[in-house]
Amino acid sequence: MPATFNNIIVWRHAEAELANNESRESDLARTLTSRGQRQAKRMAHWLKQYLPKETMLLCSPAVRCVQTAEALEHKIILDQALSPGAKLQEILDVLANLESSQLNLLLVGHQPWLGQLVTHLTGFSGAELNIKKGAIWWLRQSLNQSFQYTVISVQAPSFLAK
């Protein structure tokens, strides 16, 4: 992973319609519930206050992730590799191949790979982390160690005023 990202922010998609387990395509087509839409708007409102201008937003192509990201009203780059079921190494490969012109990265995606990425970047690789729906984990690169990140904020829709 390049050491060029000052901040890596991970945002799990908000609450979505239940899966019907029929196919991968139907899973990708799941939409946000009305509660999920409110969660996405609440988190986007918070993010807009703090998100650095030079932030690349990389998003899973799943409709629920795109709808979550759209609440931010920011340029969205879709990446098939960020789909549900992605493996941590696939995510790390995507990050390693990104253009280094951006200093900050916002990823909108899924469990379990979001939680695995946070534990990997913070050095707690053996731990299992479940990021709640709609929640944001903000990581900042450590000044002392390259490729090591520190959690500077965790926000969830339920934490924020309505």
N, C-alpha and C. Protein backbone atom coordinates (compact mmCIF):
# COMPACT_ATOMS: atom_id res chain seq x y z
N MET A 1 0.84 -1.18 0.00
CA MET A 1 0.00 0.00 0.00
C MET A 1 0.88 1.24 0.00
N PRO A 2 0.57 2.21 -0.86
CA PRO A 2 1.39 3.42 -0.88
C PRO A 2 1.20 4.23 0.40
N ALA A 3 2.24 4.92 0.78
CA ALA A 3 2.20 5.73 2.00
C ALA A 3 1.65 7.12 1.72
N THR A 4 1.00 7.33 0.59
CA THR A 4 0.57 8.66 0.19
C THR A 4 -0.78 9.07 0.76
N PHE A 5 -1.52 8.18 1.35
CA PHE A 5 -2.83 8.54 1.88
C PHE A 5 -2.69 9.03 3.31
N ASN A 6 -2.98 10.31 3.52
CA ASN A 6 -2.96 10.85 4.88
C ASN A 6 -4.11 10.26 5.69
N ASN A 7 -5.26 10.15 5.03
CA ASN A 7 -6.47 9.64 5.68
C ASN A 7 -7.08 8.56 4.81
N ILE A 8 -7.50 7.49 5.45
CA ILE A 8 -8.33 6.47 4.79
C ILE A 8 -9.59 6.37 5.62
N ILE A 9 -10.70 6.65 4.97
CA ILE A 9 -11.99 6.64 5.65
C ILE A 9 -12.80 5.50 5.05
N VAL A 10 -13.29 4.61 5.89
CA VAL A 10 -14.13 3.53 5.40
C VAL A 10 -15.56 3.78 5.86
N TRP A 11 -16.49 3.56 4.94
CA TRP A 11 -17.90 3.83 5.19
C TRP A 11 -18.68 2.61 4.73
N ARG A 12 -19.28 1.93 5.69
CA ARG A 12 -20.12 0.78 5.32
C ARG A 12 -21.46 1.30 4.83
N HIS A 13 -21.96 0.65 3.79
CA HIS A 13 -23.27 1.05 3.26
C HIS A 13 -24.31 1.06 4.37
N ALA A 14 -25.29 1.91 4.21
CA ALA A 14 -26.38 2.02 5.17
C ALA A 14 -27.31 0.81 5.04
N GLU A 15 -28.32 0.79 5.90
CA GLU A 15 -29.25 -0.35 5.93
C GLU A 15 -29.92 -0.57 4.57
N ALA A 16 -29.88 -1.82 4.12
CA ALA A 16 -30.43 -2.16 2.81
C ALA A 16 -31.53 -3.21 2.93
N GLU A 17 -32.27 -3.36 1.85
CA GLU A 17 -33.28 -4.41 1.78
C GLU A 17 -32.61 -5.76 2.02
N LEU A 18 -33.36 -6.70 2.56
CA LEU A 18 -32.81 -8.02 2.84
C LEU A 18 -32.47 -8.76 1.55
N ALA A 19 -31.44 -9.58 1.64
CA ALA A 19 -31.02 -10.40 0.49
C ALA A 19 -32.00 -11.54 0.31
N ASN A 20 -32.22 -11.91 -0.95
CA ASN A 20 -33.09 -13.06 -1.20
C ASN A 20 -32.30 -14.31 -1.57
N ASN A 21 -30.97 -14.20 -1.57
CA ASN A 21 -30.07 -15.32 -1.81
C ASN A 21 -30.27 -16.01 -3.15
N GLU A 22 -30.86 -15.32 -4.14
CA GLU A 22 -31.07 -15.94 -5.44
C GLU A 22 -29.82 -15.90 -6.31
N SER A 23 -29.18 -14.75 -6.40
CA SER A 23 -28.02 -14.64 -7.29
C SER A 23 -27.15 -13.47 -6.88
N ARG A 24 -25.95 -13.46 -7.42
CA ARG A 24 -25.02 -12.34 -7.18
C ARG A 24 -25.60 -11.05 -7.74
N GLU A 25 -26.24 -11.11 -8.89
CA GLU A 25 -26.82 -9.92 -9.50
C GLU A 25 -27.90 -9.32 -8.62
N SER A 26 -28.75 -10.17 -8.03
CA SER A 26 -29.81 -9.64 -7.17
C SER A 26 -29.22 -9.04 -5.90
N ASP A 27 -28.10 -9.60 -5.41
CA ASP A 27 -27.44 -9.03 -4.24
C ASP A 27 -26.89 -7.65 -4.59
N LEU A 28 -26.28 -7.50 -5.75
CA LEU A 28 -25.75 -6.20 -6.16
C LEU A 28 -26.84 -5.17 -6.37
N ALA A 29 -28.07 -5.62 -6.66
CA ALA A 29 -29.18 -4.71 -6.95
C ALA A 29 -29.96 -4.28 -5.70
N ARG A 30 -29.61 -4.81 -4.53
CA ARG A 30 -30.33 -4.44 -3.31
C ARG A 30 -30.22 -2.94 -3.04
N THR A 31 -31.33 -2.33 -2.69
CA THR A 31 -31.38 -0.89 -2.46
C THR A 31 -31.46 -0.58 -0.96
N LEU A 32 -31.22 0.68 -0.64
CA LEU A 32 -31.35 1.11 0.75
C LEU A 32 -32.82 1.14 1.15
N THR A 33 -33.06 0.83 2.41
CA THR A 33 -34.39 1.02 2.97
C THR A 33 -34.59 2.51 3.22
N SER A 34 -35.79 2.93 3.58
CA SER A 34 -35.99 4.35 3.90
C SER A 34 -35.15 4.73 5.11
N ARG A 35 -35.00 3.82 6.07
CA ARG A 35 -34.12 4.07 7.22
C ARG A 35 -32.67 4.21 6.74
N GLY A 36 -32.25 3.36 5.82
CA GLY A 36 -30.91 3.42 5.28
C GLY A 36 -30.65 4.74 4.55
N GLN A 37 -31.65 5.25 3.85
CA GLN A 37 -31.50 6.54 3.17
C GLN A 37 -31.28 7.65 4.20
N ARG A 38 -32.02 7.59 5.32
CA ARG A 38 -31.83 8.60 6.37
C ARG A 38 -30.44 8.45 7.01
N GLN A 39 -30.00 7.21 7.20
CA GLN A 39 -28.66 6.98 7.76
C GLN A 39 -27.59 7.57 6.85
N ALA A 40 -27.70 7.32 5.56
CA ALA A 40 -26.71 7.81 4.60
C ALA A 40 -26.67 9.34 4.61
N LYS A 41 -27.83 9.97 4.64
CA LYS A 41 -27.88 11.44 4.65
C LYS A 41 -27.27 11.99 5.94
N ARG A 42 -27.54 11.35 7.06
CA ARG A 42 -27.00 11.81 8.33
C ARG A 42 -25.47 11.71 8.34
N MET A 43 -24.95 10.59 7.85
CA MET A 43 -23.50 10.41 7.82
C MET A 43 -22.85 11.34 6.80
N ALA A 44 -23.50 11.54 5.67
CA ALA A 44 -22.97 12.46 4.65
C ALA A 44 -22.91 13.88 5.20
N HIS A 45 -23.92 14.28 5.94
CA HIS A 45 -23.92 15.61 6.54
C HIS A 45 -22.72 15.77 7.48
N TRP A 46 -22.45 14.77 8.28
CA TRP A 46 -21.30 14.81 9.18
C TRP A 46 -19.99 14.86 8.37
N LEU A 47 -19.89 13.98 7.38
CA LEU A 47 -18.67 13.91 6.57
C LEU A 47 -18.36 15.23 5.86
N LYS A 48 -19.40 15.88 5.34
CA LYS A 48 -19.20 17.14 4.61
C LYS A 48 -18.51 18.19 5.47
N GLN A 49 -18.71 18.11 6.77
CA GLN A 49 -18.10 19.08 7.68
C GLN A 49 -16.59 18.88 7.82
N TYR A 50 -16.12 17.65 7.62
CA TYR A 50 -14.73 17.31 7.94
C TYR A 50 -13.91 16.76 6.77
N LEU A 51 -14.57 16.31 5.73
CA LEU A 51 -13.88 15.65 4.63
C LEU A 51 -12.94 16.61 3.90
N PRO A 52 -11.65 16.28 3.81
CA PRO A 52 -10.73 17.13 3.06
C PRO A 52 -11.16 17.21 1.59
N LYS A 53 -10.90 18.37 0.96
CA LYS A 53 -11.29 18.57 -0.44
C LYS A 53 -10.63 17.56 -1.37
N GLU A 54 -9.38 17.24 -1.13
CA GLU A 54 -8.64 16.31 -1.98
C GLU A 54 -8.87 14.87 -1.53
N THR A 55 -10.10 14.40 -1.70
CA THR A 55 -10.45 13.03 -1.30
C THR A 55 -11.02 12.27 -2.48
N MET A 56 -10.46 11.10 -2.72
CA MET A 56 -10.96 10.20 -3.75
C MET A 56 -12.01 9.29 -3.10
N LEU A 57 -13.20 9.21 -3.70
CA LEU A 57 -14.26 8.34 -3.20
C LEU A 57 -14.33 7.12 -4.10
N LEU A 58 -13.94 5.98 -3.56
CA LEU A 58 -13.93 4.72 -4.27
C LEU A 58 -15.05 3.86 -3.70
N CYS A 59 -15.91 3.33 -4.56
CA CYS A 59 -17.15 2.70 -4.11
C CYS A 59 -17.39 1.35 -4.77
N SER A 60 -17.96 0.45 -3.99
CA SER A 60 -18.46 -0.82 -4.52
C SER A 60 -19.55 -0.52 -5.54
N PRO A 61 -19.70 -1.37 -6.57
CA PRO A 61 -20.76 -1.16 -7.55
C PRO A 61 -22.15 -1.58 -7.05
N ALA A 62 -22.23 -2.17 -5.87
CA ALA A 62 -23.54 -2.57 -5.33
C ALA A 62 -24.41 -1.33 -5.16
N VAL A 63 -25.67 -1.43 -5.56
CA VAL A 63 -26.58 -0.29 -5.54
C VAL A 63 -26.65 0.33 -4.14
N ARG A 64 -26.67 -0.48 -3.10
CA ARG A 64 -26.77 0.05 -1.74
C ARG A 64 -25.56 0.91 -1.38
N CYS A 65 -24.39 0.56 -1.90
CA CYS A 65 -23.19 1.36 -1.66
C CYS A 65 -23.24 2.65 -2.46
N VAL A 66 -23.65 2.55 -3.71
CA VAL A 66 -23.74 3.74 -4.56
C VAL A 66 -24.75 4.73 -3.96
N GLN A 67 -25.89 4.23 -3.50
CA GLN A 67 -26.89 5.10 -2.89
C GLN A 67 -26.33 5.76 -1.62
N THR A 68 -25.56 5.02 -0.84
CA THR A 68 -24.95 5.57 0.36
C THR A 68 -23.98 6.68 -0.03
N ALA A 69 -23.11 6.41 -1.00
CA ALA A 69 -22.12 7.39 -1.44
C ALA A 69 -22.76 8.62 -2.07
N GLU A 70 -23.85 8.44 -2.79
CA GLU A 70 -24.51 9.56 -3.47
C GLU A 70 -25.00 10.62 -2.48
N ALA A 71 -25.29 10.21 -1.26
CA ALA A 71 -25.75 11.16 -0.25
C ALA A 71 -24.69 12.23 0.03
N LEU A 72 -23.43 11.92 -0.25
CA LEU A 72 -22.33 12.85 0.00
C LEU A 72 -22.21 13.92 -1.09
N GLU A 73 -22.79 13.65 -2.26
CA GLU A 73 -22.71 14.57 -3.40
C GLU A 73 -21.25 14.87 -3.76
N HIS A 74 -20.50 13.81 -3.96
CA HIS A 74 -19.07 13.87 -4.27
C HIS A 74 -18.83 12.96 -5.48
N LYS A 75 -17.79 13.22 -6.24
CA LYS A 75 -17.48 12.35 -7.39
C LYS A 75 -17.22 10.92 -6.90
N ILE A 76 -17.89 9.96 -7.52
CA ILE A 76 -17.80 8.55 -7.13
C ILE A 76 -17.08 7.77 -8.22
N ILE A 77 -16.10 6.98 -7.81
CA ILE A 77 -15.42 6.06 -8.72
C ILE A 77 -15.82 4.65 -8.30
N LEU A 78 -16.45 3.92 -9.22
CA LEU A 78 -16.86 2.54 -8.94
C LEU A 78 -15.72 1.58 -9.24
N ASP A 79 -15.58 0.56 -8.41
CA ASP A 79 -14.56 -0.45 -8.64
C ASP A 79 -15.16 -1.83 -8.34
N GLN A 80 -15.19 -2.69 -9.37
CA GLN A 80 -15.77 -4.02 -9.23
C GLN A 80 -15.09 -4.84 -8.13
N ALA A 81 -13.82 -4.58 -7.90
CA ALA A 81 -13.08 -5.35 -6.89
C ALA A 81 -13.60 -5.10 -5.47
N LEU A 82 -14.36 -4.03 -5.27
CA LEU A 82 -14.89 -3.71 -3.94
C LEU A 82 -16.27 -4.33 -3.70
N SER A 83 -16.65 -5.28 -4.51
CA SER A 83 -17.95 -5.92 -4.41
C SER A 83 -18.08 -6.75 -3.13
N PRO A 84 -19.32 -7.13 -2.78
CA PRO A 84 -19.50 -8.01 -1.63
C PRO A 84 -18.70 -9.30 -1.83
N GLY A 85 -18.16 -9.80 -0.75
CA GLY A 85 -17.41 -11.05 -0.82
C GLY A 85 -15.95 -10.88 -1.21
N ALA A 86 -15.50 -9.65 -1.43
CA ALA A 86 -14.10 -9.43 -1.78
C ALA A 86 -13.20 -9.90 -0.64
N LYS A 87 -12.03 -10.33 -1.00
CA LYS A 87 -11.02 -10.76 -0.01
C LYS A 87 -10.12 -9.57 0.31
N LEU A 88 -9.58 -9.56 1.52
CA LEU A 88 -8.72 -8.48 1.96
C LEU A 88 -7.58 -8.23 0.98
N GLN A 89 -6.93 -9.29 0.49
CA GLN A 89 -5.81 -9.10 -0.42
C GLN A 89 -6.25 -8.42 -1.71
N GLU A 90 -7.45 -8.69 -2.18
CA GLU A 90 -7.96 -8.02 -3.37
C GLU A 90 -8.12 -6.51 -3.12
N ILE A 91 -8.58 -6.16 -1.93
CA ILE A 91 -8.75 -4.75 -1.57
C ILE A 91 -7.38 -4.08 -1.47
N LEU A 92 -6.43 -4.75 -0.83
CA LEU A 92 -5.08 -4.20 -0.71
C LEU A 92 -4.44 -4.00 -2.08
N ASP A 93 -4.71 -4.93 -3.01
CA ASP A 93 -4.18 -4.79 -4.38
C ASP A 93 -4.77 -3.55 -5.06
N VAL A 94 -6.07 -3.31 -4.88
CA VAL A 94 -6.71 -2.12 -5.45
C VAL A 94 -6.04 -0.86 -4.90
N LEU A 95 -5.85 -0.82 -3.59
CA LEU A 95 -5.26 0.36 -2.96
C LEU A 95 -3.82 0.57 -3.42
N ALA A 96 -3.09 -0.51 -3.60
CA ALA A 96 -1.69 -0.41 -4.04
C ALA A 96 -1.58 0.15 -5.46
N ASN A 97 -2.62 -0.05 -6.26
CA ASN A 97 -2.58 0.38 -7.66
C ASN A 97 -3.25 1.73 -7.91
N LEU A 98 -3.71 2.40 -6.86
CA LEU A 98 -4.35 3.69 -7.05
C LEU A 98 -3.33 4.77 -7.38
N GLU A 99 -3.79 5.76 -8.10
CA GLU A 99 -2.95 6.93 -8.38
C GLU A 99 -2.60 7.59 -7.06
N SER A 100 -1.39 8.02 -6.92
CA SER A 100 -0.96 8.61 -5.65
C SER A 100 -1.20 10.12 -5.60
N SER A 101 -1.94 10.65 -6.56
CA SER A 101 -2.17 12.10 -6.57
C SER A 101 -3.14 12.55 -5.48
N GLN A 102 -3.95 11.65 -4.99
CA GLN A 102 -4.89 12.00 -3.93
C GLN A 102 -4.26 11.74 -2.57
N LEU A 103 -4.50 12.63 -1.63
CA LEU A 103 -3.94 12.47 -0.30
C LEU A 103 -4.87 11.74 0.65
N ASN A 104 -6.15 11.67 0.28
CA ASN A 104 -7.15 11.08 1.15
C ASN A 104 -8.04 10.14 0.36
N LEU A 105 -8.48 9.08 1.01
CA LEU A 105 -9.28 8.06 0.35
C LEU A 105 -10.50 7.73 1.19
N LEU A 106 -11.66 7.72 0.55
CA LEU A 106 -12.91 7.31 1.18
C LEU A 106 -13.39 6.07 0.43
N LEU A 107 -13.53 4.97 1.16
CA LEU A 107 -14.00 3.71 0.59
C LEU A 107 -15.41 3.42 1.09
N VAL A 108 -16.33 3.15 0.18
CA VAL A 108 -17.69 2.77 0.56
C VAL A 108 -17.86 1.31 0.16
N GLY A 109 -18.15 0.46 1.14
CA GLY A 109 -18.21 -0.96 0.83
C GLY A 109 -18.94 -1.79 1.85
N HIS A 110 -18.42 -3.01 2.04
CA HIS A 110 -19.14 -4.09 2.72
C HIS A 110 -18.31 -4.73 3.83
N GLN A 111 -19.03 -5.38 4.72
CA GLN A 111 -18.43 -6.32 5.64
C GLN A 111 -18.32 -7.66 4.90
N PRO A 112 -17.37 -8.48 5.18
CA PRO A 112 -16.38 -8.33 6.24
C PRO A 112 -15.10 -7.60 5.81
N TRP A 113 -14.96 -7.30 4.51
CA TRP A 113 -13.66 -6.77 4.10
C TRP A 113 -13.35 -5.39 4.66
N LEU A 114 -14.36 -4.55 4.93
CA LEU A 114 -14.08 -3.25 5.54
C LEU A 114 -13.44 -3.42 6.92
N GLY A 115 -14.03 -4.28 7.74
CA GLY A 115 -13.48 -4.54 9.07
C GLY A 115 -12.10 -5.16 9.00
N GLN A 116 -11.89 -6.05 8.05
CA GLN A 116 -10.57 -6.67 7.87
C GLN A 116 -9.54 -5.62 7.46
N LEU A 117 -9.95 -4.68 6.61
CA LEU A 117 -9.03 -3.63 6.18
C LEU A 117 -8.64 -2.74 7.36
N VAL A 118 -9.61 -2.35 8.17
CA VAL A 118 -9.31 -1.51 9.33
C VAL A 118 -8.35 -2.23 10.28
N THR A 119 -8.60 -3.49 10.57
CA THR A 119 -7.71 -4.21 11.48
C THR A 119 -6.32 -4.36 10.88
N HIS A 120 -6.25 -4.58 9.58
CA HIS A 120 -4.95 -4.69 8.91
C HIS A 120 -4.17 -3.37 8.98
N LEU A 121 -4.83 -2.27 8.66
CA LEU A 121 -4.16 -0.97 8.61
C LEU A 121 -3.76 -0.45 9.99
N THR A 122 -4.46 -0.89 11.01
CA THR A 122 -4.15 -0.44 12.37
C THR A 122 -3.24 -1.41 13.11
N GLY A 123 -2.90 -2.53 12.47
CA GLY A 123 -1.98 -3.47 13.08
C GLY A 123 -2.62 -4.51 13.98
N PHE A 124 -3.92 -4.62 13.94
CA PHE A 124 -4.62 -5.62 14.75
C PHE A 124 -5.15 -6.74 13.86
N SER A 125 -4.29 -7.27 13.02
CA SER A 125 -4.70 -8.22 11.99
C SER A 125 -5.40 -9.47 12.52
N GLY A 126 -5.12 -9.88 13.74
CA GLY A 126 -5.75 -11.07 14.28
C GLY A 126 -7.15 -10.82 14.80
N ALA A 127 -7.51 -9.55 14.97
CA ALA A 127 -8.82 -9.21 15.53
C ALA A 127 -9.89 -9.25 14.45
N GLU A 128 -11.13 -9.43 14.87
CA GLU A 128 -12.25 -9.39 13.94
C GLU A 128 -13.10 -8.17 14.29
N LEU A 129 -13.33 -7.31 13.33
CA LEU A 129 -14.04 -6.07 13.55
C LEU A 129 -15.29 -6.04 12.68
N ASN A 130 -16.43 -5.79 13.30
CA ASN A 130 -17.68 -5.67 12.57
C ASN A 130 -18.08 -4.21 12.54
N ILE A 131 -18.02 -3.60 11.38
CA ILE A 131 -18.42 -2.21 11.21
C ILE A 131 -19.93 -2.17 11.00
N LYS A 132 -20.61 -1.39 11.81
CA LYS A 132 -22.08 -1.31 11.74
C LYS A 132 -22.52 -0.65 10.43
N LYS A 133 -23.73 -0.98 10.02
CA LYS A 133 -24.29 -0.40 8.79
C LYS A 133 -24.36 1.11 8.91
N GLY A 134 -23.85 1.77 7.88
CA GLY A 134 -23.87 3.22 7.84
C GLY A 134 -22.72 3.89 8.57
N ALA A 135 -21.91 3.13 9.30
CA ALA A 135 -20.85 3.71 10.13
C ALA A 135 -19.61 4.07 9.33
N ILE A 136 -18.86 5.01 9.88
CA ILE A 136 -17.61 5.49 9.29
C ILE A 136 -16.49 5.29 10.30
N TRP A 137 -15.38 4.75 9.81
CA TRP A 137 -14.14 4.65 10.59
C TRP A 137 -13.11 5.49 9.87
N TRP A 138 -12.57 6.49 10.54
CA TRP A 138 -11.61 7.41 9.96
C TRP A 138 -10.23 7.06 10.49
N LEU A 139 -9.33 6.72 9.57
CA LEU A 139 -7.97 6.34 9.93
C LEU A 139 -7.00 7.39 9.41
N ARG A 140 -6.00 7.71 10.20
CA ARG A 140 -4.97 8.65 9.78
C ARG A 140 -3.62 7.96 9.84
N GLN A 141 -2.83 8.21 8.81
CA GLN A 141 -1.51 7.58 8.76
C GLN A 141 -0.67 8.02 9.95
N SER A 142 -0.02 7.05 10.56
CA SER A 142 0.85 7.32 11.70
C SER A 142 2.06 8.11 11.26
N LEU A 143 2.45 9.08 12.07
CA LEU A 143 3.64 9.87 11.77
C LEU A 143 4.90 9.08 12.04
N ASN A 144 4.80 8.06 12.88
CA ASN A 144 5.96 7.28 13.31
C ASN A 144 6.26 6.09 12.42
N GLN A 145 5.21 5.49 11.83
CA GLN A 145 5.40 4.25 11.09
C GLN A 145 4.69 4.32 9.75
N SER A 146 5.43 4.06 8.68
CA SER A 146 4.80 3.98 7.36
C SER A 146 3.85 2.80 7.32
N PHE A 147 2.79 2.94 6.58
CA PHE A 147 1.79 1.89 6.37
C PHE A 147 1.05 1.50 7.65
N GLN A 148 1.15 2.31 8.69
CA GLN A 148 0.42 2.06 9.94
C GLN A 148 -0.55 3.23 10.13
N TYR A 149 -1.77 2.91 10.48
CA TYR A 149 -2.80 3.93 10.65
C TYR A 149 -3.37 3.89 12.06
N THR A 150 -3.87 5.05 12.49
CA THR A 150 -4.49 5.21 13.79
C THR A 150 -5.94 5.61 13.58
N VAL A 151 -6.83 5.05 14.39
CA VAL A 151 -8.24 5.42 14.32
C VAL A 151 -8.38 6.79 14.99
N ILE A 152 -8.91 7.76 14.24
CA ILE A 152 -9.10 9.08 14.83
C ILE A 152 -10.57 9.40 15.08
N SER A 153 -11.48 8.66 14.42
CA SER A 153 -12.90 8.88 14.68
C SER A 153 -13.70 7.67 14.23
N VAL A 154 -14.72 7.38 14.99
CA VAL A 154 -15.71 6.38 14.60
C VAL A 154 -17.06 7.05 14.77
N GLN A 155 -17.84 7.04 13.70
CA GLN A 155 -19.17 7.64 13.74
C GLN A 155 -20.17 6.64 13.19
N ALA A 156 -21.33 6.62 13.81
CA ALA A 156 -22.43 5.79 13.33
C ALA A 156 -23.66 6.66 13.27
N PRO A 157 -24.62 6.32 12.41
CA PRO A 157 -25.82 7.14 12.32
C PRO A 157 -26.51 7.34 13.67
N SER A 158 -26.49 6.32 14.51
CA SER A 158 -27.16 6.43 15.81
C SER A 158 -26.42 7.38 16.77
N PHE A 159 -25.16 7.69 16.50
CA PHE A 159 -24.39 8.62 17.34
C PHE A 159 -24.76 10.08 17.07
N LEU A 160 -25.24 10.35 15.87
CA LEU A 160 -25.43 11.72 15.41
C LEU A 160 -26.86 12.19 15.65
N ALA A 161 -27.01 13.47 15.92
CA ALA A 161 -28.33 14.05 16.13
C ALA A 161 -29.17 13.94 14.87
N LYS A 162 -30.42 13.76 15.05
CA LYS A 162 -31.32 13.61 13.89
C LYS A 162 -31.73 14.93 13.34
